[in-house]
Amino acid sequence: MTKLLDYMISPIPIRIEELKLDSSLLRIKGLTVSQFGHLPGRTLRTKGITHNQWAFTYIVRGKGFYQVDNGPIQKLEAGSLFWEWPGTTFRYGPEEEAGWDEYYVTFNGSRVQEWLDNKLLQTDSVYRIGVNNTWIRKIETIGDYIESGIPENGDRAAMLLESLVYDFCIANEGIKSGSRPSRKPEFVLQVLEDIANNLYQPWDEGQAMERNHLSRSTLRRIVLQNTGYPLNEYVNRLKITEAKKLLRLTELQIKEIAQMLGYEDNAYFSRLFKKYTGTSANQFRNNLN
């Protein structure tokens, strides 16, 4: 993890990571993460900047402002998230001398247009979604992935970004409608997140029990009560959902996708795919064209 000092930005060390490989090596072509930044103690104000890529900035401490072109000035505080996009001028920054802590991720690709078309990404106002340590850990993991210079990690960064954008959208919609999503106990979220973070290997219930310090019965009860599915079915459904994403975003062969997700038996993977989607993997990919 590389940190550097830039007194124009902040009086304390900041971290900025660039994608360290040619994007042609990535398998996911529809979404690329190009830069990550963590700027604790930022004091620099942006007086007018135009980007050629998309970005989000997440404020986790402090207050400030955000303005798009000559539109209204919107106030920012800890838990605020705003977007930047190509062809538009942005002005933003912390209150004078107070500074703020921010995370940002810069990205591009055709997938962004799908988010806009389906209103998954809305640029009309600031998202006031609160400070969430799980999101912060995921954003930092994106930085770790692109710092590594490994193509597979570049793809993982893209998939993690997509899950974050979805989380931001759901949180923002819940707050705007006045119905916040129900909050699950932290240990339940950790268990479900652990399962979701280990899809790219054969499912091993014993290892999941050890990682989370749970008995078999407790692990199964947590998953059933909070997802509505038995443990093994829940894992398979997550893996098939991930397979659908890979079929959409990559040119990997179906057997390669099955093996990446821990299914050595391609026939078993095919049966599961059809069971949970109602179609074969081949048909699913063909219907995308």
C-alpha atoms as a PDB file:
ATOM      1  CA  MET A   1       0.000   0.000   0.000  1.00  0.00           C
ATOM      2  CA  THR A   2       1.602   3.231  -1.187  1.00  0.00           C
ATOM      3  CA  LYS A   3       0.955   6.522   0.591  1.00  0.00           C
ATOM      4  CA  LEU A   4       2.330   9.899  -0.385  1.00  0.00           C
ATOM      5  CA  LEU A   5       2.410  13.453   0.834  1.00  0.00           C
ATOM      6  CA  ASP A   6       0.950  16.245  -1.275  1.00  0.00           C
ATOM      7  CA  TYR A   7       0.509  19.392   0.784  1.00  0.00           C
ATOM      8  CA  MET A   8      -1.584  20.936  -1.999  1.00  0.00           C
ATOM      9  CA  ILE A   9      -4.249  18.305  -1.227  1.00  0.00           C
ATOM     10  CA  SER A  10      -3.820  17.391   2.448  1.00  0.00           C
ATOM     11  CA  PRO A  11      -1.350  17.882   5.303  1.00  0.00           C
ATOM     12  CA  ILE A  12      -1.393  14.121   6.026  1.00  0.00           C
ATOM     13  CA  PRO A  13      -0.475  11.136   3.790  1.00  0.00           C
ATOM     14  CA  ILE A  14      -2.935  10.237   1.043  1.00  0.00           C
ATOM     15  CA  ARG A  15      -3.276   7.086  -1.044  1.00  0.00           C
ATOM     16  CA  ILE A  16      -3.865   7.091  -4.811  1.00  0.00           C
ATOM     17  CA  GLU A  17      -3.753   3.915  -6.914  1.00  0.00           C
ATOM     18  CA  GLU A  18      -3.831   3.720 -10.726  1.00  0.00           C
ATOM     19  CA  LEU A  19      -4.750   0.635 -12.735  1.00  0.00           C
ATOM     20  CA  LYS A  20      -1.325  -0.896 -13.353  1.00  0.00           C
ATOM     21  CA  LEU A  21      -1.997  -2.889 -16.510  1.00  0.00           C
ATOM     22  CA  ASP A  22      -3.249  -2.580 -20.084  1.00  0.00           C
ATOM     23  CA  SER A  23      -7.042  -2.736 -20.038  1.00  0.00           C
ATOM     24  CA  SER A  24      -6.918  -5.132 -23.029  1.00  0.00           C
ATOM     25  CA  LEU A  25      -5.787  -7.815 -20.559  1.00  0.00           C
ATOM     26  CA  LEU A  26      -9.049  -7.556 -18.641  1.00  0.00           C
ATOM     27  CA  ARG A  27     -11.801 -10.073 -19.318  1.00  0.00           C
ATOM     28  CA  ILE A  28     -14.605  -7.781 -18.242  1.00  0.00           C
ATOM     29  CA  LYS A  29     -14.892  -5.280 -21.078  1.00  0.00           C
ATOM     30  CA  GLY A  30     -17.995  -3.376 -20.004  1.00  0.00           C
ATOM     31  CA  LEU A  31     -16.572  -1.812 -16.845  1.00  0.00           C
ATOM     32  CA  THR A  32     -13.040  -0.777 -15.890  1.00  0.00           C
ATOM     33  CA  VAL A  33     -11.835   0.772 -12.640  1.00  0.00           C
ATOM     34  CA  SER A  34      -9.016   3.161 -13.485  1.00  0.00           C
ATOM     35  CA  GLN A  35      -8.191   4.900 -10.203  1.00  0.00           C
ATOM     36  CA  PHE A  36      -8.803   4.739  -6.457  1.00  0.00           C
ATOM     37  CA  GLY A  37      -8.102   7.452  -3.943  1.00  0.00           C
ATOM     38  CA  HIS A  38      -8.246   7.900  -0.186  1.00  0.00           C
ATOM     39  CA  LEU A  39      -7.698  11.524   0.816  1.00  0.00           C
ATOM     40  CA  PRO A  40      -7.906  11.898   4.602  1.00  0.00           C
ATOM     41  CA  GLY A  41      -7.727  15.505   5.772  1.00  0.00           C
ATOM     42  CA  ARG A  42      -8.318  16.937   2.299  1.00  0.00           C
ATOM     43  CA  THR A  43      -8.223  20.743   2.300  1.00  0.00           C
ATOM     44  CA  LEU A  44      -7.976  21.386  -1.463  1.00  0.00           C
ATOM     45  CA  ARG A  45     -11.075  22.838  -3.143  1.00  0.00           C
ATOM     46  CA  THR A  46     -11.807  22.026  -6.772  1.00  0.00           C
ATOM     47  CA  LYS A  47     -12.724  25.329  -8.436  1.00  0.00           C
ATOM     48  CA  GLY A  48     -13.806  23.805 -11.735  1.00  0.00           C
ATOM     49  CA  ILE A  49     -12.811  20.450 -13.190  1.00  0.00           C
ATOM     50  CA  THR A  50     -14.042  18.411 -16.168  1.00  0.00           C
ATOM     51  CA  HIS A  51     -13.395  14.666 -16.442  1.00  0.00           C
ATOM     52  CA  ASN A  52     -13.333  12.212 -19.327  1.00  0.00           C
ATOM     53  CA  GLN A  53     -14.442   9.364 -17.047  1.00  0.00           C
ATOM     54  CA  TRP A  54     -17.029   8.661 -14.369  1.00  0.00           C
ATOM     55  CA  ALA A  55     -16.282   8.823 -10.650  1.00  0.00           C
ATOM     56  CA  PHE A  56     -17.938   8.747  -7.277  1.00  0.00           C
ATOM     57  CA  THR A  57     -16.669  10.525  -4.172  1.00  0.00           C
ATOM     58  CA  TYR A  58     -17.737   9.350  -0.705  1.00  0.00           C
ATOM     59  CA  ILE A  59     -17.283  11.737   2.232  1.00  0.00           C
ATOM     60  CA  VAL A  60     -16.715   9.945   5.549  1.00  0.00           C
ATOM     61  CA  ARG A  61     -15.753  12.938   7.754  1.00  0.00           C
ATOM     62  CA  GLY A  62     -16.229  16.683   7.563  1.00  0.00           C
ATOM     63  CA  LYS A  63     -18.474  19.076   5.646  1.00  0.00           C
ATOM     64  CA  GLY A  64     -18.349  20.994   2.394  1.00  0.00           C
ATOM     65  CA  PHE A  65     -20.144  21.738  -0.880  1.00  0.00           C
ATOM     66  CA  TYR A  66     -20.766  20.313  -4.383  1.00  0.00           C
ATOM     67  CA  GLN A  67     -21.873  22.122  -7.553  1.00  0.00           C
ATOM     68  CA  VAL A  68     -22.575  20.838 -11.081  1.00  0.00           C
ATOM     69  CA  ASP A  69     -21.917  23.445 -13.817  1.00  0.00           C
ATOM     70  CA  ASN A  70     -23.726  26.608 -12.633  1.00  0.00           C
ATOM     71  CA  GLY A  71     -26.414  24.712 -10.750  1.00  0.00           C
ATOM     72  CA  PRO A  72     -27.343  25.070  -7.099  1.00  0.00           C
ATOM     73  CA  ILE A  73     -24.672  24.556  -4.462  1.00  0.00           C
ATOM     74  CA  GLN A  74     -25.429  21.395  -2.478  1.00  0.00           C
ATOM     75  CA  LYS A  75     -24.138  20.900   1.045  1.00  0.00           C
ATOM     76  CA  LEU A  76     -22.050  17.847   1.876  1.00  0.00           C
ATOM     77  CA  GLU A  77     -21.449  16.129   5.195  1.00  0.00           C
ATOM     78  CA  ALA A  78     -20.145  12.783   6.432  1.00  0.00           C
ATOM     79  CA  GLY A  79     -22.137  10.070   4.666  1.00  0.00           C
ATOM     80  CA  SER A  80     -22.654  12.087   1.468  1.00  0.00           C
ATOM     81  CA  LEU A  81     -21.783  10.630  -1.943  1.00  0.00           C
ATOM     82  CA  PHE A  82     -21.701  12.496  -5.250  1.00  0.00           C
ATOM     83  CA  TRP A  83     -21.013  11.595  -8.875  1.00  0.00           C
ATOM     84  CA  GLU A  84     -18.864  13.114 -11.595  1.00  0.00           C
ATOM     85  CA  TRP A  85     -19.225  12.354 -15.294  1.00  0.00           C
ATOM     86  CA  PRO A  86     -17.674  13.365 -18.640  1.00  0.00           C
ATOM     87  CA  GLY A  87     -18.399  16.680 -20.279  1.00  0.00           C
ATOM     88  CA  THR A  88     -19.554  18.507 -17.157  1.00  0.00           C
ATOM     89  CA  THR A  89     -17.793  20.976 -14.852  1.00  0.00           C
ATOM     90  CA  PHE A  90     -17.723  20.286 -11.121  1.00  0.00           C
ATOM     91  CA  ARG A  91     -16.828  22.408  -8.130  1.00  0.00           C
ATOM     92  CA  TYR A  92     -16.538  20.917  -4.668  1.00  0.00           C
ATOM     93  CA  GLY A  93     -14.465  20.883  -1.531  1.00  0.00           C
ATOM     94  CA  PRO A  94     -14.418  20.969   2.262  1.00  0.00           C
ATOM     95  CA  GLU A  95     -15.138  23.881   4.529  1.00  0.00           C
ATOM     96  CA  GLU A  96     -12.159  26.199   4.731  1.00  0.00           C
ATOM     97  CA  GLU A  97      -9.382  24.916   7.019  1.00  0.00           C
ATOM     98  CA  ALA A  98     -11.580  22.135   8.469  1.00  0.00           C
ATOM     99  CA  GLY A  99     -10.881  19.557   5.777  1.00  0.00           C
ATOM    100  CA  TRP A 100     -12.715  16.301   5.111  1.00  0.00           C
ATOM    101  CA  ASP A 101     -11.924  12.611   4.570  1.00  0.00           C
ATOM    102  CA  GLU A 102     -12.919  11.227   1.174  1.00  0.00           C
ATOM    103  CA  TYR A 103     -12.747   8.058  -0.865  1.00  0.00           C
ATOM    104  CA  TYR A 104     -13.136   8.156  -4.623  1.00  0.00           C
ATOM    105  CA  VAL A 105     -13.154   5.642  -7.477  1.00  0.00           C
ATOM    106  CA  THR A 106     -12.819   6.532 -11.167  1.00  0.00           C
ATOM    107  CA  PHE A 107     -14.269   4.201 -13.800  1.00  0.00           C
ATOM    108  CA  ASN A 108     -15.604   3.900 -17.351  1.00  0.00           C
ATOM    109  CA  GLY A 109     -17.293   1.450 -19.695  1.00  0.00           C
ATOM    110  CA  SER A 110     -20.552   0.615 -21.449  1.00  0.00           C
ATOM    111  CA  ARG A 111     -21.988  -0.832 -18.246  1.00  0.00           C
ATOM    112  CA  VAL A 112     -22.482   2.705 -16.907  1.00  0.00           C
ATOM    113  CA  GLN A 113     -25.084   3.448 -19.587  1.00  0.00           C
ATOM    114  CA  GLU A 114     -27.066   0.405 -18.447  1.00  0.00           C
ATOM    115  CA  TRP A 115     -27.043   1.778 -14.896  1.00  0.00           C
ATOM    116  CA  LEU A 116     -28.348   5.109 -16.183  1.00  0.00           C
ATOM    117  CA  ASP A 117     -31.014   3.520 -18.393  1.00  0.00           C
ATOM    118  CA  ASN A 118     -32.311   1.477 -15.453  1.00  0.00           C
ATOM    119  CA  LYS A 119     -32.081   4.395 -12.993  1.00  0.00           C
ATOM    120  CA  LEU A 120     -29.571   2.490 -10.916  1.00  0.00           C
ATOM    121  CA  LEU A 121     -27.352   5.536 -11.060  1.00  0.00           C
ATOM    122  CA  GLN A 122     -28.995   8.950 -10.610  1.00  0.00           C
ATOM    123  CA  THR A 123     -26.981  12.115 -10.964  1.00  0.00           C
ATOM    124  CA  ASP A 124     -29.605  14.708 -10.086  1.00  0.00           C
ATOM    125  CA  SER A 125     -28.626  15.114  -6.440  1.00  0.00           C
ATOM    126  CA  VAL A 126     -26.213  14.119  -3.698  1.00  0.00           C
ATOM    127  CA  TYR A 127     -26.762  10.686  -2.119  1.00  0.00           C
ATOM    128  CA  ARG A 128     -27.075  11.095   1.654  1.00  0.00           C
ATOM    129  CA  ILE A 129     -26.562   7.471   2.590  1.00  0.00           C
ATOM    130  CA  GLY A 130     -24.580   7.618   5.822  1.00  0.00           C
ATOM    131  CA  VAL A 131     -21.159   6.307   6.780  1.00  0.00           C
ATOM    132  CA  ASN A 132     -21.015   2.528   6.397  1.00  0.00           C
ATOM    133  CA  ASN A 133     -17.847   0.647   7.383  1.00  0.00           C
ATOM    134  CA  THR A 134     -18.706  -2.277   5.094  1.00  0.00           C
ATOM    135  CA  TRP A 135     -18.762   0.054   2.085  1.00  0.00           C
ATOM    136  CA  ILE A 136     -15.488   1.621   3.182  1.00  0.00           C
ATOM    137  CA  ARG A 137     -13.828  -1.812   3.372  1.00  0.00           C
ATOM    138  CA  LYS A 138     -15.094  -2.651  -0.112  1.00  0.00           C
ATOM    139  CA  ILE A 139     -13.819   0.635  -1.539  1.00  0.00           C
ATOM    140  CA  GLU A 140     -10.406  -0.003   0.042  1.00  0.00           C
ATOM    141  CA  THR A 141     -10.426  -3.510  -1.438  1.00  0.00           C
ATOM    142  CA  ILE A 142     -10.968  -1.991  -4.878  1.00  0.00           C
ATOM    143  CA  GLY A 143      -7.803   0.033  -4.266  1.00  0.00           C
ATOM    144  CA  ASP A 144      -5.913  -3.122  -3.258  1.00  0.00           C
ATOM    145  CA  TYR A 145      -7.108  -4.924  -6.380  1.00  0.00           C
ATOM    146  CA  ILE A 146      -5.937  -2.308  -8.874  1.00  0.00           C
ATOM    147  CA  GLU A 147      -2.685  -1.764  -6.966  1.00  0.00           C
ATOM    148  CA  SER A 148      -1.792  -5.443  -7.471  1.00  0.00           C
ATOM    149  CA  GLY A 149      -1.378  -5.157 -11.244  1.00  0.00           C
ATOM    150  CA  ILE A 150      -2.966  -8.607 -11.699  1.00  0.00           C
ATOM    151  CA  PRO A 151      -5.571  -8.774 -14.524  1.00  0.00           C
ATOM    152  CA  GLU A 152      -7.891 -11.030 -12.515  1.00  0.00           C
ATOM    153  CA  ASN A 153      -7.894  -8.468  -9.704  1.00  0.00           C
ATOM    154  CA  GLY A 154      -8.736  -5.708 -12.163  1.00  0.00           C
ATOM    155  CA  ASP A 155     -11.831  -7.732 -13.081  1.00  0.00           C
ATOM    156  CA  ARG A 156     -12.625  -8.301  -9.413  1.00  0.00           C
ATOM    157  CA  ALA A 157     -12.415  -4.554  -8.837  1.00  0.00           C
ATOM    158  CA  ALA A 158     -15.004  -3.988 -11.570  1.00  0.00           C
ATOM    159  CA  MET A 159     -17.407  -6.551 -10.101  1.00  0.00           C
ATOM    160  CA  LEU A 160     -16.974  -5.151  -6.606  1.00  0.00           C
ATOM    161  CA  LEU A 161     -17.644  -1.653  -7.923  1.00  0.00           C
ATOM    162  CA  GLU A 162     -20.888  -2.811  -9.502  1.00  0.00           C
ATOM    163  CA  SER A 163     -22.087  -4.310  -6.227  1.00  0.00           C
ATOM    164  CA  LEU A 164     -21.243  -1.047  -4.447  1.00  0.00           C
ATOM    165  CA  VAL A 165     -23.155   1.059  -6.977  1.00  0.00           C
ATOM    166  CA  TYR A 166     -26.163  -1.172  -6.383  1.00  0.00           C
ATOM    167  CA  ASP A 167     -25.816  -0.784  -2.606  1.00  0.00           C
ATOM    168  CA  PHE A 168     -25.567   3.008  -2.952  1.00  0.00           C
ATOM    169  CA  CYS A 169     -28.674   3.093  -5.143  1.00  0.00           C
ATOM    170  CA  ILE A 170     -30.784   0.981  -2.769  1.00  0.00           C
ATOM    171  CA  ALA A 171     -29.654   3.006   0.246  1.00  0.00           C
ATOM    172  CA  ASN A 172     -30.403   6.290  -1.515  1.00  0.00           C
ATOM    173  CA  GLU A 173     -33.855   5.167  -2.676  1.00  0.00           C
ATOM    174  CA  GLY A 174     -34.732   3.964   0.810  1.00  0.00           C
ATOM    175  CA  ILE A 175     -33.765   7.261   2.393  1.00  0.00           C
ATOM    176  CA  LYS A 176     -35.571   9.355  -0.265  1.00  0.00           C
ATOM    177  CA  SER A 177     -38.761   7.346   0.209  1.00  0.00           C
ATOM    178  CA  GLY A 178     -38.493   7.608   3.984  1.00  0.00           C
ATOM    179  CA  SER A 179     -38.243   3.839   4.456  1.00  0.00           C
ATOM    180  CA  ARG A 180     -34.715   2.912   5.437  1.00  0.00           C
ATOM    181  CA  PRO A 181     -33.773  -0.707   4.706  1.00  0.00           C
ATOM    182  CA  SER A 182     -33.988  -2.884   7.771  1.00  0.00           C
ATOM    183  CA  ARG A 183     -30.621  -3.179   9.474  1.00  0.00           C
ATOM    184  CA  LYS A 184     -29.391  -6.646  10.239  1.00  0.00           C
ATOM    185  CA  PRO A 185     -27.052  -7.327  13.156  1.00  0.00           C
ATOM    186  CA  GLU A 186     -23.423  -6.766  12.228  1.00  0.00           C
ATOM    187  CA  PHE A 187     -22.452 -10.422  12.693  1.00  0.00           C
ATOM    188  CA  VAL A 188     -25.214 -11.505  10.283  1.00  0.00           C
ATOM    189  CA  LEU A 189     -23.928  -9.089   7.645  1.00  0.00           C
ATOM    190  CA  GLN A 190     -20.403 -10.399   8.195  1.00  0.00           C
ATOM    191  CA  VAL A 191     -21.510 -14.002   7.652  1.00  0.00           C
ATOM    192  CA  LEU A 192     -23.430 -13.183   4.466  1.00  0.00           C
ATOM    193  CA  GLU A 193     -20.571 -11.021   3.207  1.00  0.00           C
ATOM    194  CA  ASP A 194     -18.084 -13.817   3.912  1.00  0.00           C
ATOM    195  CA  ILE A 195     -20.113 -16.232   1.802  1.00  0.00           C
ATOM    196  CA  ALA A 196     -20.416 -13.693  -1.029  1.00  0.00           C
ATOM    197  CA  ASN A 197     -16.659 -13.021  -0.955  1.00  0.00           C
ATOM    198  CA  ASN A 198     -15.777 -16.697  -1.397  1.00  0.00           C
ATOM    199  CA  LEU A 199     -17.742 -17.581  -4.515  1.00  0.00           C
ATOM    200  CA  TYR A 200     -14.641 -18.154  -6.632  1.00  0.00           C
ATOM    201  CA  GLN A 201     -13.732 -21.468  -5.058  1.00  0.00           C
ATOM    202  CA  PRO A 202     -15.485 -24.773  -4.297  1.00  0.00           C
ATOM    203  CA  TRP A 203     -18.034 -24.355  -1.512  1.00  0.00           C
ATOM    204  CA  ASP A 204     -16.753 -25.710   1.793  1.00  0.00           C
ATOM    205  CA  GLU A 205     -19.177 -25.442   4.683  1.00  0.00           C
ATOM    206  CA  GLY A 206     -16.516 -26.401   7.209  1.00  0.00           C
ATOM    207  CA  GLN A 207     -14.233 -23.548   6.171  1.00  0.00           C
ATOM    208  CA  ALA A 208     -17.132 -21.090   6.388  1.00  0.00           C
ATOM    209  CA  MET A 209     -17.827 -22.324   9.925  1.00  0.00           C
ATOM    210  CA  GLU A 210     -14.176 -21.861  10.903  1.00  0.00           C
ATOM    211  CA  ARG A 211     -13.878 -18.386   9.360  1.00  0.00           C
ATOM    212  CA  ASN A 212     -16.960 -17.185  11.210  1.00  0.00           C
ATOM    213  CA  HIS A 213     -16.442 -19.222  14.421  1.00  0.00           C
ATOM    214  CA  LEU A 214     -19.911 -20.782  14.129  1.00  0.00           C
ATOM    215  CA  SER A 215     -21.368 -24.244  14.541  1.00  0.00           C
ATOM    216  CA  ARG A 216     -22.967 -25.897  11.509  1.00  0.00           C
ATOM    217  CA  SER A 217     -26.472 -25.470  12.911  1.00  0.00           C
ATOM    218  CA  THR A 218     -25.940 -21.770  13.697  1.00  0.00           C
ATOM    219  CA  LEU A 219     -24.474 -21.025  10.257  1.00  0.00           C
ATOM    220  CA  ARG A 220     -27.391 -22.734   8.536  1.00  0.00           C
ATOM    221  CA  ARG A 221     -29.949 -20.993  10.760  1.00  0.00           C
ATOM    222  CA  ILE A 222     -28.460 -17.537  10.091  1.00  0.00           C
ATOM    223  CA  VAL A 223     -28.598 -18.029   6.347  1.00  0.00           C
ATOM    224  CA  LEU A 224     -32.104 -19.499   6.302  1.00  0.00           C
ATOM    225  CA  GLN A 225     -33.594 -16.846   8.577  1.00  0.00           C
ATOM    226  CA  ASN A 226     -32.026 -13.923   6.727  1.00  0.00           C
ATOM    227  CA  THR A 227     -32.267 -15.051   3.092  1.00  0.00           C
ATOM    228  CA  GLY A 228     -35.175 -17.499   3.041  1.00  0.00           C
ATOM    229  CA  TYR A 229     -32.970 -20.181   1.468  1.00  0.00           C
ATOM    230  CA  PRO A 230     -31.191 -23.217   2.922  1.00  0.00           C
ATOM    231  CA  LEU A 231     -27.426 -22.689   3.079  1.00  0.00           C
ATOM    232  CA  ASN A 232     -26.363 -24.791   0.082  1.00  0.00           C
ATOM    233  CA  GLU A 233     -29.138 -23.431  -2.111  1.00  0.00           C
ATOM    234  CA  TYR A 234     -28.225 -19.879  -1.137  1.00  0.00           C
ATOM    235  CA  VAL A 235     -24.582 -20.448  -2.085  1.00  0.00           C
ATOM    236  CA  ASN A 236     -25.557 -21.980  -5.422  1.00  0.00           C
ATOM    237  CA  ARG A 237     -27.923 -19.124  -6.185  1.00  0.00           C
ATOM    238  CA  LEU A 238     -25.146 -16.603  -5.497  1.00  0.00           C
ATOM    239  CA  LYS A 239     -22.771 -18.506  -7.754  1.00  0.00           C
ATOM    240  CA  ILE A 240     -25.311 -18.711 -10.581  1.00  0.00           C
ATOM    241  CA  THR A 241     -25.983 -14.982 -10.256  1.00  0.00           C
ATOM    242  CA  GLU A 242     -22.233 -14.410 -10.539  1.00  0.00           C
ATOM    243  CA  ALA A 243     -22.154 -16.729 -13.564  1.00  0.00           C
ATOM    244  CA  LYS A 244     -24.838 -14.616 -15.258  1.00  0.00           C
ATOM    245  CA  LYS A 245     -22.719 -11.523 -14.676  1.00  0.00           C
ATOM    246  CA  LEU A 246     -19.664 -13.199 -16.201  1.00  0.00           C
ATOM    247  CA  LEU A 247     -21.718 -14.368 -19.193  1.00  0.00           C
ATOM    248  CA  ARG A 248     -22.831 -10.768 -19.751  1.00  0.00           C
ATOM    249  CA  LEU A 249     -19.532  -9.016 -19.192  1.00  0.00           C
ATOM    250  CA  THR A 250     -16.870 -11.449 -20.435  1.00  0.00           C
ATOM    251  CA  GLU A 251     -16.143 -13.767 -23.328  1.00  0.00           C
ATOM    252  CA  LEU A 252     -15.126 -16.659 -21.074  1.00  0.00           C
ATOM    253  CA  GLN A 253     -16.247 -20.114 -22.109  1.00  0.00           C
ATOM    254  CA  ILE A 254     -19.031 -21.598 -20.020  1.00  0.00           C
ATOM    255  CA  LYS A 255     -16.779 -24.357 -18.693  1.00  0.00           C
ATOM    256  CA  GLU A 256     -14.221 -21.719 -17.656  1.00  0.00           C
ATOM    257  CA  ILE A 257     -16.893 -19.825 -15.737  1.00  0.00           C
ATOM    258  CA  ALA A 258     -18.008 -23.033 -14.035  1.00  0.00           C
ATOM    259  CA  GLN A 259     -14.444 -23.828 -12.955  1.00  0.00           C
ATOM    260  CA  MET A 260     -13.818 -20.245 -11.759  1.00  0.00           C
ATOM    261  CA  LEU A 261     -16.856 -20.563  -9.497  1.00  0.00           C
ATOM    262  CA  GLY A 262     -15.671 -23.852  -8.046  1.00  0.00           C
ATOM    263  CA  TYR A 263     -17.760 -26.292 -10.125  1.00  0.00           C
ATOM    264  CA  GLU A 264     -15.501 -29.041 -11.448  1.00  0.00           C
ATOM    265  CA  ASP A 265     -18.520 -30.935 -12.811  1.00  0.00           C
ATOM    266  CA  ASN A 266     -19.736 -28.913 -15.819  1.00  0.00           C
ATOM    267  CA  ALA A 267     -22.914 -30.983 -16.094  1.00  0.00           C
ATOM    268  CA  TYR A 268     -23.830 -30.181 -12.487  1.00  0.00           C
ATOM    269  CA  PHE A 269     -23.209 -26.485 -13.122  1.00  0.00           C
ATOM    270  CA  SER A 270     -25.436 -26.626 -16.216  1.00  0.00           C
ATOM    271  CA  ARG A 271     -28.266 -28.277 -14.271  1.00  0.00           C
ATOM    272  CA  LEU A 272     -28.056 -25.645 -11.543  1.00  0.00           C
ATOM    273  CA  PHE A 273     -27.974 -22.805 -14.063  1.00  0.00           C
ATOM    274  CA  LYS A 274     -31.134 -24.024 -15.779  1.00  0.00           C
ATOM    275  CA  LYS A 275     -32.834 -24.732 -12.449  1.00  0.00           C
ATOM    276  CA  TYR A 276     -32.360 -21.175 -11.164  1.00  0.00           C
ATOM    277  CA  THR A 277     -32.682 -19.220 -14.429  1.00  0.00           C
ATOM    278  CA  GLY A 278     -35.072 -21.328 -16.468  1.00  0.00           C
ATOM    279  CA  THR A 279     -32.678 -21.447 -19.408  1.00  0.00           C
ATOM    280  CA  SER A 280     -29.300 -22.922 -20.300  1.00  0.00           C
ATOM    281  CA  ALA A 281     -26.125 -20.893 -20.023  1.00  0.00           C
ATOM    282  CA  ASN A 282     -25.741 -20.988 -23.825  1.00  0.00           C
ATOM    283  CA  GLN A 283     -29.266 -19.700 -24.349  1.00  0.00           C
ATOM    284  CA  PHE A 284     -28.773 -17.007 -21.718  1.00  0.00           C
ATOM    285  CA  ARG A 285     -25.658 -15.684 -23.503  1.00  0.00           C
ATOM    286  CA  ASN A 286     -27.262 -15.945 -26.954  1.00  0.00           C
ATOM    287  CA  ASN A 287     -30.258 -13.923 -25.779  1.00  0.00           C
ATOM    288  CA  LEU A 288     -27.915 -11.076 -24.848  1.00  0.00           C
ATOM    289  CA  ASN A 289     -26.949 -10.574 -28.490  1.00  0.00           C
END
